[in-house]
Amino acid sequence: MFGFEEVAVQRRSSRRPVGRYPSIRLKHQFDVTRFGDGLIEQYELHPLRVMRLDREAFHTDLTCPTCTLTVPGTILSMAQTRKRRRVWGTLALTGAISVICLAWLAVLNFDPDGSVGAIFAWTWGPLGALIATAGLIDVWWREDGVWLRDHSSDARIPRLGPRARAGLHQLGYR
């Protein structure tokens, strides 16, 4: 009547939903520049054009459009990816509950005249649990059911750490 169209409002979240195609991208490193004591790495991001299966994981070769090399990868099904997210979410929730419990116990049992070990444990215990919980929440948030595999051993390449890439390639969102 007034020229307005009724638009369905979708709830949007910064967390990526599990869809037919993975939202994670293949990163190709094309330049490394030394800057002071560090390195600046520049990447090109390429979407994965591999459709997930409904119930089973499969191994495939992901082709990089920049260099046309193939990188072996594993794509989990939508059901398996959701299950992994539930497991990581449960572990993160358990960690958050333990942080709250340890912090509450630290407040209840704090004795300034007590032993140094007890003060150290009640102070640093909740902090360690908080750091572990933050790591679990990050893994839960970014789980997309896609892994790269090593050419020689066919083993899964971890997302973090010094072995997080296969040659010039790794997975990432940005």
N, C-alpha and C. Protein backbone atom coordinates (compact mmCIF):
# COMPACT_ATOMS: atom_id res chain seq x y z
N MET A 1 0.81 -1.19 0.00
CA MET A 1 0.00 0.00 0.00
C MET A 1 0.86 1.26 0.00
N PHE A 2 1.91 1.27 0.84
CA PHE A 2 2.78 2.43 0.93
C PHE A 2 4.09 2.21 0.18
N GLY A 3 4.23 1.14 -0.56
CA GLY A 3 5.47 0.88 -1.28
C GLY A 3 6.49 0.09 -0.46
N PHE A 4 6.13 -0.31 0.74
CA PHE A 4 7.04 -1.08 1.57
C PHE A 4 6.78 -2.57 1.35
N GLU A 5 7.83 -3.32 1.34
CA GLU A 5 7.67 -4.77 1.24
C GLU A 5 7.95 -5.38 2.59
N GLU A 6 7.20 -6.39 2.91
CA GLU A 6 7.42 -7.09 4.16
C GLU A 6 8.63 -8.00 4.00
N VAL A 7 9.60 -7.83 4.83
CA VAL A 7 10.85 -8.59 4.73
C VAL A 7 10.98 -9.45 5.97
N ALA A 8 11.25 -10.72 5.75
CA ALA A 8 11.47 -11.62 6.88
C ALA A 8 12.83 -11.30 7.50
N VAL A 9 12.84 -11.09 8.79
CA VAL A 9 14.07 -10.76 9.49
C VAL A 9 14.70 -12.06 9.98
N GLN A 10 15.95 -12.27 9.59
CA GLN A 10 16.67 -13.46 10.04
C GLN A 10 17.57 -13.08 11.19
N ARG A 11 17.66 -13.96 12.14
CA ARG A 11 18.57 -13.76 13.25
C ARG A 11 19.97 -14.06 12.76
N ARG A 12 20.85 -13.09 12.84
CA ARG A 12 22.21 -13.27 12.35
C ARG A 12 23.16 -13.36 13.53
N SER A 13 24.11 -14.22 13.40
CA SER A 13 25.10 -14.43 14.43
C SER A 13 26.47 -14.35 13.78
N SER A 14 27.47 -13.98 14.55
CA SER A 14 28.81 -13.97 13.98
C SER A 14 29.36 -15.39 13.87
N ARG A 15 28.72 -16.34 14.51
CA ARG A 15 29.13 -17.73 14.40
C ARG A 15 28.57 -18.31 13.11
N ARG A 16 29.40 -18.99 12.37
CA ARG A 16 29.01 -19.49 11.06
C ARG A 16 28.15 -20.73 11.19
N PRO A 17 27.00 -20.77 10.52
CA PRO A 17 26.18 -21.98 10.58
C PRO A 17 26.78 -23.09 9.73
N VAL A 18 26.41 -24.31 10.04
CA VAL A 18 26.87 -25.45 9.25
C VAL A 18 25.98 -25.55 8.04
N GLY A 19 26.56 -25.37 6.88
CA GLY A 19 25.77 -25.41 5.65
C GLY A 19 26.30 -26.47 4.69
N ARG A 20 25.74 -26.51 3.52
CA ARG A 20 26.15 -27.46 2.49
C ARG A 20 27.61 -27.28 2.10
N TYR A 21 28.06 -26.01 2.05
CA TYR A 21 29.45 -25.72 1.70
C TYR A 21 30.16 -25.18 2.93
N PRO A 22 31.41 -25.59 3.17
CA PRO A 22 32.15 -25.07 4.34
C PRO A 22 32.37 -23.56 4.22
N SER A 23 32.32 -22.87 5.34
CA SER A 23 32.55 -21.42 5.32
C SER A 23 34.03 -21.09 5.49
N ILE A 24 34.82 -22.04 5.96
CA ILE A 24 36.26 -21.81 6.09
C ILE A 24 36.87 -21.75 4.69
N ARG A 25 37.99 -21.07 4.56
CA ARG A 25 38.59 -20.87 3.25
C ARG A 25 40.02 -21.42 3.21
N LEU A 26 40.46 -21.72 2.01
CA LEU A 26 41.84 -22.16 1.79
C LEU A 26 42.70 -20.91 1.61
N LYS A 27 43.74 -20.78 2.44
CA LYS A 27 44.62 -19.62 2.38
C LYS A 27 45.89 -20.00 1.62
N HIS A 28 46.26 -19.18 0.65
CA HIS A 28 47.50 -19.37 -0.10
C HIS A 28 48.43 -18.23 0.27
N GLN A 29 49.59 -18.56 0.82
CA GLN A 29 50.58 -17.55 1.21
C GLN A 29 51.36 -17.13 -0.03
N PHE A 30 51.28 -15.84 -0.37
CA PHE A 30 51.98 -15.39 -1.57
C PHE A 30 53.12 -14.43 -1.28
N ASP A 31 53.26 -13.95 -0.05
CA ASP A 31 54.37 -13.05 0.25
C ASP A 31 54.67 -13.08 1.74
N VAL A 32 55.97 -13.01 2.06
CA VAL A 32 56.43 -12.91 3.44
C VAL A 32 57.43 -11.76 3.49
N THR A 33 57.19 -10.81 4.38
CA THR A 33 58.06 -9.65 4.53
C THR A 33 58.57 -9.60 5.95
N ARG A 34 59.88 -9.43 6.11
CA ARG A 34 60.45 -9.28 7.44
C ARG A 34 60.25 -7.83 7.88
N PHE A 35 59.69 -7.66 9.08
CA PHE A 35 59.42 -6.35 9.63
C PHE A 35 59.91 -6.34 11.07
N GLY A 36 61.06 -5.74 11.32
CA GLY A 36 61.64 -5.75 12.66
C GLY A 36 62.01 -7.17 13.05
N ASP A 37 61.50 -7.63 14.18
CA ASP A 37 61.75 -8.99 14.64
C ASP A 37 60.72 -9.99 14.15
N GLY A 38 59.72 -9.52 13.47
CA GLY A 38 58.63 -10.42 13.05
C GLY A 38 58.53 -10.54 11.55
N LEU A 39 57.52 -11.29 11.16
CA LEU A 39 57.23 -11.51 9.74
C LEU A 39 55.81 -11.06 9.45
N ILE A 40 55.62 -10.49 8.28
CA ILE A 40 54.28 -10.16 7.81
C ILE A 40 53.98 -11.11 6.67
N GLU A 41 52.96 -11.96 6.88
CA GLU A 41 52.57 -12.93 5.86
C GLU A 41 51.31 -12.44 5.17
N GLN A 42 51.30 -12.51 3.84
CA GLN A 42 50.14 -12.09 3.08
C GLN A 42 49.54 -13.31 2.39
N TYR A 43 48.21 -13.39 2.46
CA TYR A 43 47.49 -14.56 1.94
C TYR A 43 46.43 -14.14 0.94
N GLU A 44 46.09 -15.08 0.08
CA GLU A 44 44.88 -14.98 -0.74
C GLU A 44 43.92 -16.03 -0.21
N LEU A 45 42.66 -15.67 -0.05
CA LEU A 45 41.64 -16.58 0.44
C LEU A 45 40.80 -17.10 -0.71
N HIS A 46 40.57 -18.41 -0.72
CA HIS A 46 39.77 -19.04 -1.76
C HIS A 46 38.68 -19.88 -1.11
N PRO A 47 37.42 -19.71 -1.50
CA PRO A 47 36.35 -20.54 -0.93
C PRO A 47 36.52 -22.00 -1.35
N LEU A 48 36.08 -22.89 -0.48
CA LEU A 48 36.12 -24.32 -0.78
C LEU A 48 34.85 -24.67 -1.54
N ARG A 49 34.99 -25.10 -2.74
CA ARG A 49 33.84 -25.43 -3.58
C ARG A 49 33.58 -26.93 -3.55
N VAL A 50 33.47 -27.45 -2.34
CA VAL A 50 33.21 -28.86 -2.13
C VAL A 50 31.94 -28.98 -1.30
N MET A 51 30.96 -29.71 -1.81
CA MET A 51 29.69 -29.85 -1.10
C MET A 51 29.80 -30.98 -0.07
N ARG A 52 29.29 -30.70 1.13
CA ARG A 52 29.28 -31.72 2.19
C ARG A 52 28.26 -32.81 1.86
N LEU A 53 28.55 -33.99 2.37
CA LEU A 53 27.58 -35.08 2.31
C LEU A 53 26.70 -35.01 3.55
N ASP A 54 25.56 -35.69 3.52
CA ASP A 54 24.63 -35.62 4.65
C ASP A 54 25.14 -36.36 5.88
N ARG A 55 25.66 -37.57 5.72
CA ARG A 55 25.96 -38.40 6.88
C ARG A 55 27.38 -38.92 6.99
N GLU A 56 28.24 -38.73 6.00
CA GLU A 56 29.57 -39.32 6.11
C GLU A 56 30.65 -38.34 5.68
N ALA A 57 31.82 -38.50 6.27
CA ALA A 57 32.97 -37.69 5.91
C ALA A 57 33.63 -38.28 4.68
N PHE A 58 34.39 -37.46 3.97
CA PHE A 58 35.12 -37.97 2.82
C PHE A 58 36.42 -37.21 2.66
N HIS A 59 37.39 -37.88 2.04
CA HIS A 59 38.68 -37.27 1.73
C HIS A 59 38.63 -36.76 0.30
N THR A 60 39.22 -35.60 0.10
CA THR A 60 39.25 -35.01 -1.24
C THR A 60 40.52 -34.21 -1.41
N ASP A 61 40.85 -33.91 -2.64
CA ASP A 61 41.98 -33.03 -2.94
C ASP A 61 41.43 -31.65 -3.23
N LEU A 62 41.87 -30.66 -2.44
CA LEU A 62 41.45 -29.27 -2.62
C LEU A 62 42.46 -28.60 -3.56
N THR A 63 41.99 -28.00 -4.61
CA THR A 63 42.87 -27.36 -5.58
C THR A 63 42.94 -25.87 -5.30
N CYS A 64 44.15 -25.35 -5.19
CA CYS A 64 44.36 -23.92 -4.97
C CYS A 64 44.30 -23.20 -6.31
N PRO A 65 43.39 -22.22 -6.47
CA PRO A 65 43.30 -21.49 -7.75
C PRO A 65 44.53 -20.64 -8.05
N THR A 66 45.31 -20.26 -7.02
CA THR A 66 46.47 -19.41 -7.25
C THR A 66 47.61 -20.17 -7.90
N CYS A 67 47.94 -21.33 -7.32
CA CYS A 67 49.11 -22.08 -7.81
C CYS A 67 48.75 -23.41 -8.46
N THR A 68 47.50 -23.78 -8.48
CA THR A 68 46.96 -25.03 -9.06
C THR A 68 47.53 -26.29 -8.41
N LEU A 69 48.10 -26.16 -7.21
CA LEU A 69 48.53 -27.35 -6.47
C LEU A 69 47.33 -27.94 -5.74
N THR A 70 47.39 -29.24 -5.49
CA THR A 70 46.32 -29.88 -4.73
C THR A 70 46.79 -30.12 -3.31
N VAL A 71 45.90 -29.90 -2.39
CA VAL A 71 46.15 -30.12 -0.97
C VAL A 71 45.14 -31.14 -0.49
N PRO A 72 45.57 -32.27 0.08
CA PRO A 72 44.59 -33.25 0.56
C PRO A 72 43.84 -32.71 1.77
N GLY A 73 42.56 -33.00 1.82
CA GLY A 73 41.73 -32.53 2.93
C GLY A 73 40.64 -33.51 3.27
N THR A 74 40.05 -33.32 4.44
CA THR A 74 38.92 -34.12 4.89
C THR A 74 37.76 -33.17 5.15
N ILE A 75 36.59 -33.50 4.62
CA ILE A 75 35.38 -32.70 4.81
C ILE A 75 34.40 -33.57 5.59
N LEU A 76 34.04 -33.12 6.80
CA LEU A 76 33.06 -33.86 7.60
C LEU A 76 31.65 -33.54 7.10
N SER A 77 30.73 -34.44 7.36
CA SER A 77 29.33 -34.21 6.98
C SER A 77 28.73 -33.14 7.90
N MET A 78 27.55 -32.69 7.55
CA MET A 78 26.88 -31.68 8.37
C MET A 78 26.57 -32.23 9.76
N ALA A 79 26.12 -33.48 9.84
CA ALA A 79 25.79 -34.09 11.13
C ALA A 79 27.05 -34.25 11.99
N GLN A 80 28.15 -34.68 11.39
CA GLN A 80 29.39 -34.86 12.16
C GLN A 80 29.94 -33.51 12.63
N THR A 81 29.82 -32.47 11.81
CA THR A 81 30.30 -31.15 12.20
C THR A 81 29.47 -30.60 13.36
N ARG A 82 28.16 -30.78 13.29
CA ARG A 82 27.30 -30.34 14.41
C ARG A 82 27.63 -31.10 15.69
N LYS A 83 27.91 -32.40 15.55
CA LYS A 83 28.26 -33.20 16.72
C LYS A 83 29.57 -32.71 17.34
N ARG A 84 30.58 -32.42 16.51
CA ARG A 84 31.85 -31.89 17.02
C ARG A 84 31.63 -30.55 17.72
N ARG A 85 30.78 -29.71 17.15
CA ARG A 85 30.49 -28.42 17.80
C ARG A 85 29.82 -28.63 19.15
N ARG A 86 28.91 -29.60 19.24
CA ARG A 86 28.26 -29.89 20.53
C ARG A 86 29.28 -30.36 21.55
N VAL A 87 30.21 -31.21 21.14
CA VAL A 87 31.24 -31.70 22.07
C VAL A 87 32.12 -30.55 22.56
N TRP A 88 32.59 -29.70 21.61
CA TRP A 88 33.43 -28.57 22.03
C TRP A 88 32.64 -27.59 22.89
N GLY A 89 31.38 -27.38 22.58
CA GLY A 89 30.55 -26.49 23.40
C GLY A 89 30.34 -27.03 24.81
N THR A 90 30.14 -28.35 24.92
CA THR A 90 29.99 -28.97 26.24
C THR A 90 31.27 -28.85 27.05
N LEU A 91 32.41 -29.08 26.40
CA LEU A 91 33.69 -28.92 27.11
C LEU A 91 33.92 -27.47 27.54
N ALA A 92 33.56 -26.51 26.69
CA ALA A 92 33.71 -25.10 27.04
C ALA A 92 32.79 -24.72 28.20
N LEU A 93 31.56 -25.23 28.20
CA LEU A 93 30.63 -24.96 29.29
C LEU A 93 31.13 -25.58 30.59
N THR A 94 31.67 -26.79 30.51
CA THR A 94 32.25 -27.42 31.69
C THR A 94 33.42 -26.61 32.23
N GLY A 95 34.26 -26.10 31.33
CA GLY A 95 35.38 -25.25 31.75
C GLY A 95 34.91 -23.97 32.40
N ALA A 96 33.86 -23.37 31.85
CA ALA A 96 33.34 -22.13 32.44
C ALA A 96 32.77 -22.37 33.84
N ILE A 97 32.09 -23.50 34.01
CA ILE A 97 31.56 -23.84 35.34
C ILE A 97 32.69 -24.08 36.32
N SER A 98 33.77 -24.74 35.86
CA SER A 98 34.90 -24.98 36.76
C SER A 98 35.61 -23.68 37.12
N VAL A 99 35.67 -22.71 36.21
CA VAL A 99 36.26 -21.41 36.54
C VAL A 99 35.45 -20.74 37.64
N ILE A 100 34.13 -20.77 37.50
CA ILE A 100 33.28 -20.14 38.51
C ILE A 100 33.43 -20.84 39.86
N CYS A 101 33.44 -22.17 39.85
CA CYS A 101 33.59 -22.93 41.11
C CYS A 101 34.94 -22.68 41.75
N LEU A 102 36.02 -22.71 40.96
CA LEU A 102 37.35 -22.47 41.52
C LEU A 102 37.49 -21.05 42.06
N ALA A 103 36.92 -20.08 41.36
CA ALA A 103 36.99 -18.70 41.85
C ALA A 103 36.19 -18.55 43.15
N TRP A 104 35.03 -19.20 43.22
CA TRP A 104 34.22 -19.13 44.44
C TRP A 104 34.93 -19.81 45.60
N LEU A 105 35.54 -20.96 45.34
CA LEU A 105 36.32 -21.63 46.39
C LEU A 105 37.52 -20.79 46.82
N ALA A 106 38.12 -20.09 45.89
CA ALA A 106 39.26 -19.23 46.23
C ALA A 106 38.82 -18.11 47.16
N VAL A 107 37.64 -17.56 46.91
CA VAL A 107 37.14 -16.49 47.77
C VAL A 107 36.77 -17.04 49.15
N LEU A 108 36.11 -18.21 49.18
CA LEU A 108 35.69 -18.77 50.48
C LEU A 108 36.86 -19.23 51.32
N ASN A 109 37.88 -19.81 50.70
CA ASN A 109 38.99 -20.42 51.44
C ASN A 109 40.22 -19.53 51.54
N PHE A 110 40.11 -18.28 51.13
CA PHE A 110 41.28 -17.42 51.17
C PHE A 110 41.65 -17.10 52.62
N ASP A 111 42.89 -17.36 52.96
CA ASP A 111 43.42 -17.07 54.30
C ASP A 111 44.76 -16.38 54.12
N PRO A 112 44.85 -15.08 54.44
CA PRO A 112 46.11 -14.37 54.22
C PRO A 112 47.27 -14.94 55.04
N ASP A 113 46.97 -15.60 56.15
CA ASP A 113 48.02 -16.19 56.97
C ASP A 113 48.27 -17.65 56.61
N GLY A 114 47.62 -18.14 55.58
CA GLY A 114 47.76 -19.55 55.18
C GLY A 114 49.08 -19.82 54.47
N SER A 115 49.22 -21.03 54.00
CA SER A 115 50.46 -21.42 53.33
C SER A 115 50.56 -20.76 51.95
N VAL A 116 51.77 -20.60 51.51
CA VAL A 116 52.01 -19.97 50.22
C VAL A 116 51.48 -20.85 49.08
N GLY A 117 51.60 -22.16 49.21
CA GLY A 117 51.12 -23.07 48.17
C GLY A 117 49.62 -22.99 47.98
N ALA A 118 48.88 -22.89 49.09
CA ALA A 118 47.42 -22.80 48.99
C ALA A 118 47.01 -21.48 48.33
N ILE A 119 47.66 -20.40 48.72
CA ILE A 119 47.35 -19.10 48.11
C ILE A 119 47.67 -19.14 46.62
N PHE A 120 48.81 -19.74 46.27
CA PHE A 120 49.22 -19.85 44.87
C PHE A 120 48.21 -20.68 44.08
N ALA A 121 47.79 -21.82 44.63
CA ALA A 121 46.84 -22.69 43.93
C ALA A 121 45.48 -22.04 43.76
N TRP A 122 44.98 -21.39 44.82
CA TRP A 122 43.65 -20.77 44.72
C TRP A 122 43.67 -19.52 43.86
N THR A 123 44.83 -18.92 43.68
CA THR A 123 44.90 -17.73 42.83
C THR A 123 45.10 -18.10 41.37
N TRP A 124 46.02 -19.00 41.09
CA TRP A 124 46.37 -19.33 39.71
C TRP A 124 45.51 -20.44 39.12
N GLY A 125 44.85 -21.23 39.94
CA GLY A 125 43.96 -22.28 39.44
C GLY A 125 42.82 -21.74 38.59
N PRO A 126 42.06 -20.76 39.10
CA PRO A 126 40.99 -20.19 38.28
C PRO A 126 41.51 -19.51 37.02
N LEU A 127 42.68 -18.90 37.10
CA LEU A 127 43.24 -18.24 35.92
C LEU A 127 43.60 -19.26 34.83
N GLY A 128 44.20 -20.38 35.23
CA GLY A 128 44.51 -21.43 34.26
C GLY A 128 43.26 -22.03 33.64
N ALA A 129 42.23 -22.24 34.48
CA ALA A 129 40.97 -22.77 33.96
C ALA A 129 40.31 -21.77 33.03
N LEU A 130 40.44 -20.48 33.32
CA LEU A 130 39.88 -19.44 32.45
C LEU A 130 40.57 -19.44 31.09
N ILE A 131 41.89 -19.58 31.06
CA ILE A 131 42.62 -19.61 29.79
C ILE A 131 42.24 -20.86 28.99
N ALA A 132 42.14 -22.00 29.65
CA ALA A 132 41.73 -23.23 28.95
C ALA A 132 40.31 -23.10 28.40
N THR A 133 39.42 -22.49 29.17
CA THR A 133 38.04 -22.30 28.71
C THR A 133 37.99 -21.36 27.51
N ALA A 134 38.80 -20.31 27.53
CA ALA A 134 38.85 -19.40 26.38
C ALA A 134 39.32 -20.13 25.13
N GLY A 135 40.29 -21.01 25.26
CA GLY A 135 40.75 -21.81 24.13
C GLY A 135 39.67 -22.74 23.61
N LEU A 136 38.93 -23.37 24.52
CA LEU A 136 37.84 -24.27 24.11
C LEU A 136 36.72 -23.51 23.42
N ILE A 137 36.40 -22.32 23.91
CA ILE A 137 35.36 -21.52 23.26
C ILE A 137 35.79 -21.12 21.86
N ASP A 138 37.07 -20.80 21.69
CA ASP A 138 37.58 -20.45 20.36
C ASP A 138 37.48 -21.63 19.40
N VAL A 139 37.83 -22.82 19.87
CA VAL A 139 37.73 -24.01 19.02
C VAL A 139 36.26 -24.28 18.68
N TRP A 140 35.37 -24.17 19.66
CA TRP A 140 33.94 -24.39 19.43
C TRP A 140 33.41 -23.38 18.40
N TRP A 141 33.84 -22.13 18.51
CA TRP A 141 33.35 -21.07 17.64
C TRP A 141 33.80 -21.28 16.20
N ARG A 142 35.01 -21.79 15.98
CA ARG A 142 35.58 -21.89 14.64
C ARG A 142 35.46 -23.27 14.01
N GLU A 143 34.95 -24.25 14.72
CA GLU A 143 34.86 -25.61 14.16
C GLU A 143 33.98 -25.61 12.92
N ASP A 144 34.56 -26.08 11.81
CA ASP A 144 33.82 -26.10 10.55
C ASP A 144 33.86 -27.48 9.88
N GLY A 145 34.53 -28.44 10.49
CA GLY A 145 34.53 -29.79 9.95
C GLY A 145 35.41 -29.98 8.73
N VAL A 146 36.45 -29.16 8.58
CA VAL A 146 37.38 -29.29 7.46
C VAL A 146 38.79 -29.37 8.02
N TRP A 147 39.54 -30.35 7.55
CA TRP A 147 40.93 -30.53 7.97
C TRP A 147 41.81 -30.70 6.76
N LEU A 148 43.02 -30.22 6.85
CA LEU A 148 44.02 -30.53 5.84
C LEU A 148 44.77 -31.78 6.29
N ARG A 149 45.29 -32.54 5.33
CA ARG A 149 46.04 -33.75 5.64
C ARG A 149 47.44 -33.64 5.04
N ASP A 150 48.37 -34.35 5.65
CA ASP A 150 49.75 -34.37 5.18
C ASP A 150 49.85 -35.28 3.96
N HIS A 151 50.63 -34.85 2.96
CA HIS A 151 50.80 -35.65 1.73
C HIS A 151 51.44 -37.00 2.02
N SER A 152 52.48 -36.99 2.85
CA SER A 152 53.27 -38.22 3.03
C SER A 152 52.64 -39.20 4.00
N SER A 153 52.18 -38.73 5.16
CA SER A 153 51.69 -39.65 6.18
C SER A 153 50.17 -39.76 6.21
N ASP A 154 49.46 -38.91 5.50
CA ASP A 154 48.00 -38.87 5.49
C ASP A 154 47.42 -38.53 6.87
N ALA A 155 48.24 -37.91 7.73
CA ALA A 155 47.80 -37.52 9.07
C ALA A 155 47.15 -36.14 9.01
N ARG A 156 46.27 -35.87 9.95
CA ARG A 156 45.58 -34.59 10.03
C ARG A 156 46.56 -33.51 10.45
N ILE A 157 46.51 -32.36 9.79
CA ILE A 157 47.37 -31.22 10.13
C ILE A 157 46.61 -30.34 11.12
N PRO A 158 47.19 -30.04 12.28
CA PRO A 158 46.48 -29.21 13.27
C PRO A 158 46.30 -27.79 12.76
N ARG A 159 45.30 -27.08 13.33
CA ARG A 159 45.03 -25.71 12.90
C ARG A 159 45.98 -24.70 13.54
N LEU A 160 46.53 -25.03 14.70
CA LEU A 160 47.40 -24.10 15.41
C LEU A 160 48.80 -24.70 15.53
N GLY A 161 49.77 -23.84 15.79
CA GLY A 161 51.11 -24.31 16.03
C GLY A 161 51.99 -24.26 14.79
N PRO A 162 53.24 -24.74 14.94
CA PRO A 162 54.19 -24.63 13.83
C PRO A 162 53.86 -25.53 12.65
N ARG A 163 53.08 -26.58 12.83
CA ARG A 163 52.72 -27.48 11.74
C ARG A 163 51.34 -27.17 11.18
N ALA A 164 50.88 -25.95 11.29
CA ALA A 164 49.50 -25.61 10.93
C ALA A 164 49.30 -25.41 9.44
N ARG A 165 50.30 -25.66 8.64
CA ARG A 165 50.14 -25.44 7.21
C ARG A 165 50.72 -26.57 6.39
N ALA A 166 50.17 -26.72 5.19
CA ALA A 166 50.67 -27.69 4.24
C ALA A 166 51.36 -26.92 3.13
N GLY A 167 52.67 -26.76 3.25
CA GLY A 167 53.41 -25.96 2.28
C GLY A 167 53.01 -24.49 2.40
N LEU A 168 52.48 -23.93 1.33
CA LEU A 168 52.04 -22.53 1.33
C LEU A 168 50.57 -22.39 1.66
N HIS A 169 49.92 -23.46 2.09
CA HIS A 169 48.47 -23.46 2.28
C HIS A 169 48.10 -23.75 3.73
N GLN A 170 47.01 -23.12 4.17
CA GLN A 170 46.39 -23.43 5.45
C GLN A 170 44.94 -23.00 5.38
N LEU A 171 44.19 -23.30 6.45
CA LEU A 171 42.78 -22.94 6.49
C LEU A 171 42.60 -21.69 7.35
N GLY A 172 41.62 -20.87 7.00
CA GLY A 172 41.36 -19.68 7.80
C GLY A 172 40.13 -18.95 7.32
N TYR A 173 39.68 -18.00 8.15
CA TYR A 173 38.51 -17.20 7.81
C TYR A 173 38.90 -15.81 7.29
N ARG A 174 40.05 -15.32 7.68
CA ARG A 174 40.47 -13.99 7.24
C ARG A 174 41.96 -13.95 7.08
